[in-house]
Amino acid sequence: MPTTIKMPLLYSFILIIAVFFTVLPTERAEALSCLPVADYLEQVVGGDEFVFIGSMNGGSDTTGYFTEHVTVTKALQGYVPEQMMLYHRTDDTWGYFCNQGPGEKGEAGLYVVGFDEYGKYVVHQRLALTDPLVKTLENDLKEAEVTGGISEHSAKDLRNQIADKIRTLFAEILLLMSEYRYWEGR
């Protein structure tokens, strides 16, 4: 006669297995998978990233970011304002994401920056000007005939750009709230 497992016994067994696997210790991630800096910089040439030399005027830690105020002295790829707020993504485990992080106040460095999904300038890489990769990148940009420049933006222009981004984000929030209300009634 075939034996059958009763359903409550089967459910209990599945529950015990599930609890066992959820309480097992898991290994922590030790580091981000970052592309070697030299390889990354090769991909930047002619891309959408902004590349420039700038000096840090000051900065502050915020949740998930280090915010850095920079004065641009030379643009190598793309057009950027002379004064910029840059954001270095941070994490308690990994520190700066695939990035050496900001320099000291008054220190010049080479920045590779892009926009995030909210329109903030996010630092992808910052190198000390003494790093040999800086000269290599400058040569690669020159050889590829990539241009850059510093565009004139007043503080009022920058405030207007920020206000425009806030309006856009607020419109997205309202749209999502409308969708949320729809699903809430279901």
N, C-alpha and C. Protein backbone atom coordinates (compact mmCIF):
# COMPACT_ATOMS: atom_id res chain seq x y z
N MET A 1 0.83 -1.16 0.00
CA MET A 1 0.00 0.00 0.00
C MET A 1 0.89 1.25 0.00
N PRO A 2 0.68 2.17 -0.92
CA PRO A 2 1.53 3.35 -0.95
C PRO A 2 1.28 4.22 0.27
N THR A 3 2.38 4.83 0.71
CA THR A 3 2.25 5.74 1.85
C THR A 3 2.00 7.14 1.33
N THR A 4 1.17 7.84 2.03
CA THR A 4 0.88 9.23 1.66
C THR A 4 1.28 10.13 2.80
N ILE A 5 1.80 11.26 2.44
CA ILE A 5 2.17 12.25 3.45
C ILE A 5 0.98 13.16 3.64
N LYS A 6 0.62 13.32 4.87
CA LYS A 6 -0.51 14.20 5.15
C LYS A 6 -0.10 15.65 4.88
N MET A 7 -1.02 16.44 4.37
CA MET A 7 -0.75 17.82 4.00
C MET A 7 -0.23 18.67 5.16
N PRO A 8 -0.79 18.62 6.36
CA PRO A 8 -0.24 19.43 7.45
C PRO A 8 1.22 19.09 7.75
N LEU A 9 1.56 17.82 7.64
CA LEU A 9 2.94 17.39 7.88
C LEU A 9 3.86 17.95 6.79
N LEU A 10 3.41 17.93 5.54
CA LEU A 10 4.18 18.47 4.42
C LEU A 10 4.40 19.97 4.59
N TYR A 11 3.33 20.70 4.96
CA TYR A 11 3.45 22.15 5.16
C TYR A 11 4.41 22.46 6.31
N SER A 12 4.35 21.68 7.37
CA SER A 12 5.26 21.88 8.50
C SER A 12 6.71 21.68 8.08
N PHE A 13 6.94 20.63 7.27
CA PHE A 13 8.29 20.35 6.79
C PHE A 13 8.81 21.51 5.93
N ILE A 14 7.97 22.02 5.02
CA ILE A 14 8.36 23.15 4.15
C ILE A 14 8.66 24.38 5.00
N LEU A 15 7.83 24.64 6.01
CA LEU A 15 8.05 25.78 6.90
C LEU A 15 9.37 25.66 7.64
N ILE A 16 9.69 24.47 8.14
CA ILE A 16 10.95 24.25 8.85
C ILE A 16 12.14 24.50 7.93
N ILE A 17 12.07 24.01 6.69
CA ILE A 17 13.15 24.22 5.72
C ILE A 17 13.30 25.72 5.42
N ALA A 18 12.18 26.41 5.22
CA ALA A 18 12.23 27.85 4.92
C ALA A 18 12.86 28.63 6.07
N VAL A 19 12.47 28.32 7.30
CA VAL A 19 13.04 29.00 8.47
C VAL A 19 14.53 28.70 8.57
N PHE A 20 14.90 27.45 8.35
CA PHE A 20 16.31 27.06 8.42
C PHE A 20 17.15 27.89 7.46
N PHE A 21 16.69 28.05 6.22
CA PHE A 21 17.47 28.79 5.22
C PHE A 21 17.46 30.30 5.45
N THR A 22 16.42 30.82 6.08
CA THR A 22 16.40 32.26 6.33
C THR A 22 17.27 32.66 7.51
N VAL A 23 17.54 31.75 8.43
CA VAL A 23 18.38 32.10 9.57
C VAL A 23 19.84 31.74 9.35
N LEU A 24 20.16 31.05 8.26
CA LEU A 24 21.56 30.75 7.97
C LEU A 24 22.33 32.05 7.76
N PRO A 25 23.53 32.16 8.31
CA PRO A 25 24.30 33.38 8.06
C PRO A 25 24.70 33.47 6.59
N THR A 26 24.60 34.65 6.06
CA THR A 26 25.02 34.86 4.67
C THR A 26 26.29 35.69 4.66
N GLU A 27 27.09 35.47 3.65
CA GLU A 27 28.32 36.24 3.52
C GLU A 27 28.01 37.66 3.08
N ARG A 28 28.68 38.61 3.69
CA ARG A 28 28.52 40.00 3.28
C ARG A 28 29.28 40.25 1.99
N ALA A 29 28.74 41.13 1.20
CA ALA A 29 29.47 41.54 0.00
C ALA A 29 30.70 42.31 0.45
N GLU A 30 31.83 41.98 -0.10
CA GLU A 30 33.07 42.60 0.34
C GLU A 30 33.42 43.85 -0.44
N ALA A 31 32.98 43.96 -1.67
CA ALA A 31 33.32 45.13 -2.47
C ALA A 31 32.40 45.22 -3.67
N LEU A 32 32.33 46.39 -4.23
CA LEU A 32 31.60 46.56 -5.48
C LEU A 32 32.42 45.95 -6.61
N SER A 33 31.75 45.59 -7.66
CA SER A 33 32.44 45.13 -8.86
C SER A 33 32.77 46.35 -9.70
N CYS A 34 33.91 46.91 -9.50
CA CYS A 34 34.30 48.12 -10.21
C CYS A 34 35.26 47.79 -11.33
N LEU A 35 35.03 48.43 -12.44
CA LEU A 35 35.92 48.31 -13.58
C LEU A 35 37.24 48.99 -13.21
N PRO A 36 38.39 48.43 -13.58
CA PRO A 36 39.64 49.13 -13.31
C PRO A 36 39.58 50.56 -13.88
N VAL A 37 40.12 51.51 -13.15
CA VAL A 37 40.01 52.93 -13.51
C VAL A 37 40.53 53.19 -14.93
N ALA A 38 41.66 52.60 -15.29
CA ALA A 38 42.23 52.82 -16.63
C ALA A 38 41.25 52.36 -17.71
N ASP A 39 40.61 51.20 -17.50
CA ASP A 39 39.64 50.69 -18.47
C ASP A 39 38.42 51.60 -18.55
N TYR A 40 37.95 52.06 -17.38
CA TYR A 40 36.79 52.96 -17.35
C TYR A 40 37.10 54.25 -18.11
N LEU A 41 38.27 54.84 -17.88
CA LEU A 41 38.62 56.11 -18.52
C LEU A 41 38.70 55.97 -20.04
N GLU A 42 39.11 54.80 -20.53
CA GLU A 42 39.13 54.57 -21.98
C GLU A 42 37.72 54.67 -22.56
N GLN A 43 36.73 54.21 -21.80
CA GLN A 43 35.34 54.22 -22.27
C GLN A 43 34.72 55.61 -22.21
N VAL A 44 35.29 56.48 -21.41
CA VAL A 44 34.75 57.83 -21.22
C VAL A 44 34.96 58.70 -22.46
N VAL A 45 36.06 58.50 -23.15
CA VAL A 45 36.44 59.35 -24.29
C VAL A 45 35.33 59.36 -25.34
N GLY A 46 34.81 60.57 -25.60
CA GLY A 46 33.76 60.74 -26.60
C GLY A 46 32.37 60.35 -26.10
N GLY A 47 32.25 60.01 -24.83
CA GLY A 47 30.96 59.60 -24.27
C GLY A 47 30.15 60.77 -23.74
N ASP A 48 29.14 60.45 -22.96
CA ASP A 48 28.24 61.46 -22.41
C ASP A 48 28.77 62.12 -21.13
N GLU A 49 29.80 61.57 -20.55
CA GLU A 49 30.33 62.10 -19.29
C GLU A 49 31.01 63.44 -19.52
N PHE A 50 31.00 64.26 -18.48
CA PHE A 50 31.73 65.52 -18.49
C PHE A 50 33.09 65.25 -17.86
N VAL A 51 34.14 65.78 -18.45
CA VAL A 51 35.49 65.62 -17.91
C VAL A 51 36.07 67.01 -17.76
N PHE A 52 36.54 67.32 -16.55
CA PHE A 52 37.08 68.66 -16.31
C PHE A 52 38.04 68.65 -15.13
N ILE A 53 38.77 69.73 -15.02
CA ILE A 53 39.66 69.95 -13.88
C ILE A 53 39.00 71.01 -13.02
N GLY A 54 38.94 70.76 -11.75
CA GLY A 54 38.30 71.70 -10.83
C GLY A 54 38.92 71.62 -9.45
N SER A 55 38.61 72.63 -8.64
CA SER A 55 39.11 72.70 -7.26
C SER A 55 37.93 72.69 -6.30
N MET A 56 38.10 71.94 -5.23
CA MET A 56 37.06 71.85 -4.21
C MET A 56 37.03 73.11 -3.35
N ASN A 57 35.84 73.70 -3.24
CA ASN A 57 35.66 74.88 -2.38
C ASN A 57 35.14 74.49 -1.01
N GLY A 58 34.56 73.35 -0.91
CA GLY A 58 33.99 72.88 0.35
C GLY A 58 33.02 71.76 0.07
N GLY A 59 32.55 71.12 1.15
CA GLY A 59 31.62 70.03 0.96
C GLY A 59 30.99 69.62 2.27
N SER A 60 30.03 68.70 2.17
CA SER A 60 29.37 68.21 3.37
C SER A 60 28.80 66.82 3.13
N ASP A 61 28.71 66.06 4.22
CA ASP A 61 28.12 64.72 4.15
C ASP A 61 26.61 64.83 4.28
N THR A 62 25.92 64.12 3.43
CA THR A 62 24.47 63.96 3.53
C THR A 62 24.19 62.48 3.41
N THR A 63 23.00 62.06 3.70
CA THR A 63 22.67 60.64 3.63
C THR A 63 22.86 60.11 2.22
N GLY A 64 23.81 59.19 2.07
CA GLY A 64 24.05 58.55 0.79
C GLY A 64 24.94 59.32 -0.18
N TYR A 65 25.37 60.51 0.22
CA TYR A 65 26.19 61.35 -0.67
C TYR A 65 27.17 62.19 0.13
N PHE A 66 28.26 62.54 -0.54
CA PHE A 66 29.10 63.65 -0.09
C PHE A 66 28.90 64.72 -1.14
N THR A 67 28.42 65.87 -0.72
CA THR A 67 28.15 66.98 -1.63
C THR A 67 29.38 67.88 -1.67
N GLU A 68 29.84 68.18 -2.87
CA GLU A 68 31.07 68.95 -3.05
C GLU A 68 30.81 70.16 -3.95
N HIS A 69 31.23 71.34 -3.48
CA HIS A 69 31.15 72.55 -4.31
C HIS A 69 32.50 72.72 -4.99
N VAL A 70 32.47 72.80 -6.33
CA VAL A 70 33.71 72.83 -7.12
C VAL A 70 33.71 74.02 -8.06
N THR A 71 34.89 74.61 -8.23
CA THR A 71 35.11 75.62 -9.26
C THR A 71 35.87 74.96 -10.40
N VAL A 72 35.29 75.00 -11.59
CA VAL A 72 35.91 74.38 -12.77
C VAL A 72 36.92 75.35 -13.36
N THR A 73 38.12 74.86 -13.62
CA THR A 73 39.17 75.70 -14.20
C THR A 73 39.45 75.34 -15.66
N LYS A 74 39.13 74.08 -16.05
CA LYS A 74 39.37 73.67 -17.43
C LYS A 74 38.42 72.51 -17.77
N ALA A 75 37.64 72.69 -18.84
CA ALA A 75 36.74 71.63 -19.29
C ALA A 75 37.39 70.88 -20.44
N LEU A 76 37.44 69.58 -20.35
CA LEU A 76 38.09 68.75 -21.36
C LEU A 76 37.09 68.03 -22.26
N GLN A 77 35.91 67.71 -21.72
CA GLN A 77 34.87 67.04 -22.51
C GLN A 77 33.52 67.53 -22.01
N GLY A 78 32.74 68.11 -22.90
CA GLY A 78 31.42 68.63 -22.54
C GLY A 78 31.50 70.05 -22.02
N TYR A 79 30.34 70.65 -21.88
CA TYR A 79 30.26 72.03 -21.42
C TYR A 79 29.62 72.05 -20.04
N VAL A 80 30.33 72.67 -19.11
CA VAL A 80 29.91 72.67 -17.71
C VAL A 80 29.96 74.10 -17.16
N PRO A 81 29.15 74.37 -16.13
CA PRO A 81 29.24 75.69 -15.49
C PRO A 81 30.53 75.82 -14.69
N GLU A 82 30.95 77.05 -14.47
CA GLU A 82 32.18 77.30 -13.71
C GLU A 82 32.05 76.87 -12.25
N GLN A 83 30.86 77.05 -11.68
CA GLN A 83 30.59 76.63 -10.29
C GLN A 83 29.61 75.46 -10.34
N MET A 84 29.94 74.39 -9.63
CA MET A 84 29.10 73.20 -9.67
C MET A 84 28.96 72.58 -8.28
N MET A 85 27.81 71.96 -8.07
CA MET A 85 27.62 71.09 -6.91
C MET A 85 27.70 69.67 -7.45
N LEU A 86 28.61 68.90 -6.90
CA LEU A 86 28.81 67.52 -7.33
C LEU A 86 28.45 66.59 -6.18
N TYR A 87 28.01 65.39 -6.54
CA TYR A 87 27.61 64.42 -5.54
C TYR A 87 28.41 63.13 -5.72
N HIS A 88 29.09 62.74 -4.64
CA HIS A 88 29.80 61.46 -4.60
C HIS A 88 28.88 60.50 -3.85
N ARG A 89 28.45 59.42 -4.50
CA ARG A 89 27.61 58.43 -3.81
C ARG A 89 28.45 57.71 -2.77
N THR A 90 27.85 57.47 -1.60
CA THR A 90 28.56 56.79 -0.51
C THR A 90 27.72 55.66 0.05
N ASP A 91 28.40 54.75 0.70
CA ASP A 91 27.76 53.60 1.34
C ASP A 91 28.57 53.27 2.58
N ASP A 92 27.89 52.86 3.65
CA ASP A 92 28.59 52.51 4.90
C ASP A 92 29.59 51.38 4.72
N THR A 93 29.29 50.43 3.83
CA THR A 93 30.18 49.29 3.61
C THR A 93 31.28 49.61 2.61
N TRP A 94 30.92 50.21 1.47
CA TRP A 94 31.85 50.38 0.37
C TRP A 94 32.50 51.75 0.30
N GLY A 95 32.03 52.71 1.05
CA GLY A 95 32.57 54.07 0.95
C GLY A 95 32.09 54.72 -0.33
N TYR A 96 33.00 55.30 -1.09
CA TYR A 96 32.64 55.95 -2.35
C TYR A 96 32.53 54.89 -3.44
N PHE A 97 31.46 54.95 -4.22
CA PHE A 97 31.19 53.93 -5.24
C PHE A 97 32.18 54.04 -6.38
N CYS A 98 33.10 53.10 -6.46
CA CYS A 98 34.07 53.00 -7.56
C CYS A 98 34.74 54.34 -7.83
N ASN A 99 35.03 55.08 -6.80
CA ASN A 99 35.51 56.44 -6.90
C ASN A 99 36.41 56.71 -5.70
N GLN A 100 37.48 57.44 -5.91
CA GLN A 100 38.40 57.73 -4.81
C GLN A 100 37.84 58.75 -3.83
N GLY A 101 36.75 59.39 -4.19
CA GLY A 101 36.13 60.37 -3.30
C GLY A 101 36.71 61.76 -3.50
N PRO A 102 36.19 62.72 -2.77
CA PRO A 102 36.63 64.11 -2.94
C PRO A 102 38.04 64.33 -2.41
N GLY A 103 38.67 65.39 -2.91
CA GLY A 103 39.98 65.77 -2.39
C GLY A 103 39.81 66.69 -1.20
N GLU A 104 40.89 67.33 -0.84
CA GLU A 104 40.86 68.29 0.26
C GLU A 104 40.42 69.66 -0.25
N LYS A 105 39.94 70.49 0.65
CA LYS A 105 39.51 71.84 0.28
C LYS A 105 40.68 72.58 -0.38
N GLY A 106 40.42 73.19 -1.54
CA GLY A 106 41.43 73.93 -2.29
C GLY A 106 42.25 73.07 -3.24
N GLU A 107 42.12 71.75 -3.14
CA GLU A 107 42.89 70.83 -3.98
C GLU A 107 42.22 70.67 -5.35
N ALA A 108 43.03 70.72 -6.40
CA ALA A 108 42.53 70.51 -7.76
C ALA A 108 42.57 69.04 -8.10
N GLY A 109 41.66 68.62 -8.95
CA GLY A 109 41.62 67.24 -9.40
C GLY A 109 40.92 67.14 -10.74
N LEU A 110 41.03 65.98 -11.35
CA LEU A 110 40.32 65.71 -12.59
C LEU A 110 39.03 64.97 -12.24
N TYR A 111 37.92 65.45 -12.75
CA TYR A 111 36.62 64.88 -12.46
C TYR A 111 36.01 64.27 -13.72
N VAL A 112 35.38 63.12 -13.55
CA VAL A 112 34.54 62.52 -14.59
C VAL A 112 33.16 62.45 -13.96
N VAL A 113 32.21 63.16 -14.57
CA VAL A 113 30.91 63.38 -13.96
C VAL A 113 29.80 63.08 -14.97
N GLY A 114 28.68 62.61 -14.47
CA GLY A 114 27.50 62.41 -15.29
C GLY A 114 26.26 62.85 -14.54
N PHE A 115 25.13 62.80 -15.21
CA PHE A 115 23.86 63.12 -14.56
C PHE A 115 23.24 61.85 -14.02
N ASP A 116 22.60 61.94 -12.85
CA ASP A 116 21.81 60.81 -12.38
C ASP A 116 20.36 60.99 -12.86
N GLU A 117 19.49 60.10 -12.44
CA GLU A 117 18.10 60.14 -12.92
C GLU A 117 17.33 61.37 -12.45
N TYR A 118 17.87 62.12 -11.50
CA TYR A 118 17.21 63.32 -11.00
C TYR A 118 17.86 64.61 -11.52
N GLY A 119 18.88 64.46 -12.34
CA GLY A 119 19.53 65.63 -12.92
C GLY A 119 20.66 66.21 -12.08
N LYS A 120 21.11 65.46 -11.07
CA LYS A 120 22.25 65.92 -10.26
C LYS A 120 23.54 65.51 -10.96
N TYR A 121 24.59 66.32 -10.78
CA TYR A 121 25.92 65.95 -11.27
C TYR A 121 26.53 64.96 -10.29
N VAL A 122 26.70 63.71 -10.72
CA VAL A 122 27.25 62.66 -9.87
C VAL A 122 28.66 62.32 -10.34
N VAL A 123 29.60 62.30 -9.41
CA VAL A 123 30.99 62.01 -9.73
C VAL A 123 31.16 60.51 -9.96
N HIS A 124 31.65 60.17 -11.13
CA HIS A 124 31.96 58.77 -11.44
C HIS A 124 33.40 58.46 -11.06
N GLN A 125 34.26 59.46 -11.20
CA GLN A 125 35.68 59.28 -10.85
C GLN A 125 36.32 60.63 -10.60
N ARG A 126 37.21 60.68 -9.61
CA ARG A 126 38.01 61.86 -9.33
C ARG A 126 39.43 61.40 -9.13
N LEU A 127 40.35 62.05 -9.83
CA LEU A 127 41.76 61.67 -9.74
C LEU A 127 42.60 62.89 -9.35
N ALA A 128 43.61 62.65 -8.55
CA ALA A 128 44.58 63.69 -8.26
C ALA A 128 45.31 64.03 -9.55
N LEU A 129 45.67 65.28 -9.74
CA LEU A 129 46.33 65.69 -10.98
C LEU A 129 47.70 65.04 -11.17
N THR A 130 48.26 64.48 -10.11
CA THR A 130 49.55 63.79 -10.21
C THR A 130 49.40 62.34 -10.68
N ASP A 131 48.16 61.84 -10.76
CA ASP A 131 47.93 60.47 -11.20
C ASP A 131 48.30 60.36 -12.68
N PRO A 132 49.12 59.39 -13.08
CA PRO A 132 49.52 59.24 -14.49
C PRO A 132 48.33 59.03 -15.44
N LEU A 133 47.21 58.51 -14.92
CA LEU A 133 46.03 58.31 -15.76
C LEU A 133 45.44 59.63 -16.26
N VAL A 134 45.69 60.71 -15.54
CA VAL A 134 45.19 62.02 -15.96
C VAL A 134 45.81 62.41 -17.29
N LYS A 135 47.12 62.29 -17.39
CA LYS A 135 47.83 62.64 -18.63
C LYS A 135 47.37 61.73 -19.77
N THR A 136 47.20 60.45 -19.48
CA THR A 136 46.73 59.50 -20.50
C THR A 136 45.35 59.90 -21.01
N LEU A 137 44.44 60.23 -20.09
CA LEU A 137 43.09 60.64 -20.50
C LEU A 137 43.12 61.94 -21.30
N GLU A 138 43.91 62.91 -20.85
CA GLU A 138 44.03 64.17 -21.60
C GLU A 138 44.52 63.91 -23.02
N ASN A 139 45.52 63.05 -23.17
CA ASN A 139 46.04 62.71 -24.50
C ASN A 139 44.98 62.00 -25.36
N ASP A 140 44.25 61.07 -24.74
CA ASP A 140 43.20 60.35 -25.46
C ASP A 140 42.09 61.30 -25.94
N LEU A 141 41.73 62.26 -25.09
CA LEU A 141 40.70 63.23 -25.46
C LEU A 141 41.18 64.13 -26.60
N LYS A 142 42.45 64.54 -26.51
CA LYS A 142 43.03 65.39 -27.56
C LYS A 142 43.10 64.63 -28.89
N GLU A 143 43.55 63.38 -28.83
CA GLU A 143 43.66 62.55 -30.03
C GLU A 143 42.29 62.31 -30.67
N ALA A 144 41.25 62.17 -29.86
CA ALA A 144 39.89 61.95 -30.36
C ALA A 144 39.21 63.26 -30.77
N GLU A 145 39.92 64.37 -30.60
CA GLU A 145 39.41 65.71 -30.93
C GLU A 145 38.11 66.03 -30.20
N VAL A 146 38.06 65.64 -28.94
CA VAL A 146 36.90 65.92 -28.09
C VAL A 146 37.04 67.34 -27.56
N THR A 147 35.92 68.05 -27.49
CA THR A 147 35.97 69.43 -27.01
C THR A 147 35.20 69.58 -25.71
N GLY A 148 35.52 70.65 -25.04
CA GLY A 148 34.84 70.98 -23.80
C GLY A 148 34.94 72.47 -23.57
N GLY A 149 34.12 72.98 -22.69
CA GLY A 149 34.17 74.39 -22.38
C GLY A 149 33.43 74.71 -21.10
N ILE A 150 33.72 75.88 -20.59
CA ILE A 150 33.06 76.36 -19.38
C ILE A 150 31.97 77.33 -19.82
N SER A 151 30.74 77.01 -19.48
CA SER A 151 29.62 77.88 -19.86
C SER A 151 29.31 78.84 -18.73
N GLU A 152 28.84 80.00 -19.11
CA GLU A 152 28.54 81.02 -18.10
C GLU A 152 27.15 80.79 -17.53
N HIS A 153 27.10 80.57 -16.25
CA HIS A 153 25.84 80.42 -15.53
C HIS A 153 25.91 81.29 -14.28
N SER A 154 24.94 82.16 -14.12
CA SER A 154 24.88 82.96 -12.89
C SER A 154 24.22 82.10 -11.81
N ALA A 155 24.30 82.59 -10.59
CA ALA A 155 23.63 81.89 -9.48
C ALA A 155 22.13 81.82 -9.76
N LYS A 156 21.59 82.86 -10.38
CA LYS A 156 20.16 82.87 -10.71
C LYS A 156 19.84 81.78 -11.74
N ASP A 157 20.71 81.62 -12.75
CA ASP A 157 20.52 80.56 -13.75
C ASP A 157 20.50 79.19 -13.08
N LEU A 158 21.44 78.97 -12.17
CA LEU A 158 21.53 77.68 -11.48
C LEU A 158 20.30 77.45 -10.61
N ARG A 159 19.83 78.50 -9.92
CA ARG A 159 18.61 78.38 -9.10
C ARG A 159 17.42 78.02 -9.99
N ASN A 160 17.32 78.66 -11.16
CA ASN A 160 16.21 78.38 -12.07
C ASN A 160 16.26 76.93 -12.57
N GLN A 161 17.46 76.44 -12.86
CA GLN A 161 17.60 75.04 -13.28
C GLN A 161 17.14 74.09 -12.18
N ILE A 162 17.53 74.39 -10.95
CA ILE A 162 17.14 73.55 -9.81
C ILE A 162 15.63 73.60 -9.61
N ALA A 163 15.05 74.80 -9.69
CA ALA A 163 13.60 74.94 -9.53
C ALA A 163 12.86 74.15 -10.62
N ASP A 164 13.39 74.16 -11.83
CA ASP A 164 12.78 73.41 -12.92
C ASP A 164 12.84 71.90 -12.63
N LYS A 165 13.97 71.43 -12.11
CA LYS A 165 14.09 70.01 -11.75
C LYS A 165 13.10 69.65 -10.64
N ILE A 166 12.93 70.54 -9.67
CA ILE A 166 11.99 70.29 -8.57
C ILE A 166 10.57 70.20 -9.11
N ARG A 167 10.20 71.11 -10.02
CA ARG A 167 8.86 71.06 -10.63
C ARG A 167 8.65 69.74 -11.36
N THR A 168 9.65 69.29 -12.10
CA THR A 168 9.55 68.03 -12.83
C THR A 168 9.38 66.86 -11.87
N LEU A 169 10.18 66.83 -10.81
CA LEU A 169 10.07 65.75 -9.82
C LEU A 169 8.72 65.77 -9.13
N PHE A 170 8.23 66.98 -8.82
CA PHE A 170 6.94 67.10 -8.15
C PHE A 170 5.82 66.58 -9.06
N ALA A 171 5.89 66.89 -10.34
CA ALA A 171 4.90 66.38 -11.30
C ALA A 171 4.93 64.85 -11.34
N GLU A 172 6.14 64.26 -11.30
CA GLU A 172 6.25 62.79 -11.27
C GLU A 172 5.65 62.22 -9.99
N ILE A 173 5.87 62.88 -8.86
CA ILE A 173 5.31 62.43 -7.59
C ILE A 173 3.79 62.46 -7.65
N LEU A 174 3.22 63.54 -8.18
CA LEU A 174 1.76 63.63 -8.29
C LEU A 174 1.20 62.52 -9.18
N LEU A 175 1.89 62.24 -10.27
CA LEU A 175 1.46 61.17 -11.17
C LEU A 175 1.47 59.82 -10.45
N LEU A 176 2.54 59.55 -9.72
CA LEU A 176 2.64 58.28 -8.99
C LEU A 176 1.62 58.20 -7.86
N MET A 177 1.33 59.33 -7.21
CA MET A 177 0.32 59.33 -6.15
C MET A 177 -1.06 59.01 -6.74
N SER A 178 -1.33 59.52 -7.93
CA SER A 178 -2.59 59.22 -8.60
C SER A 178 -2.70 57.73 -8.90
N GLU A 179 -1.63 57.15 -9.39
CA GLU A 179 -1.62 55.71 -9.66
C GLU A 179 -1.79 54.92 -8.36
N TYR A 180 -1.12 55.37 -7.30
CA TYR A 180 -1.22 54.70 -6.01
C TYR A 180 -2.67 54.70 -5.52
N ARG A 181 -3.35 55.85 -5.64
CA ARG A 181 -4.76 55.95 -5.21
C ARG A 181 -5.63 54.97 -6.02
N TYR A 182 -5.33 54.85 -7.30
CA TYR A 182 -6.08 53.92 -8.14
C TYR A 182 -5.96 52.50 -7.60
N TRP A 183 -4.71 52.08 -7.33
CA TRP A 183 -4.48 50.70 -6.87
C TRP A 183 -4.95 50.50 -5.42
N GLU A 184 -4.98 51.57 -4.66
CA GLU A 184 -5.41 51.46 -3.28
C GLU A 184 -6.89 51.05 -3.21
N GLY A 185 -7.67 51.49 -4.18
CA GLY A 185 -9.08 51.16 -4.21
C GLY A 185 -9.38 49.77 -4.75
N ARG A 186 -8.41 49.05 -5.15
CA ARG A 186 -8.63 47.71 -5.74
C ARG A 186 -8.51 46.62 -4.71
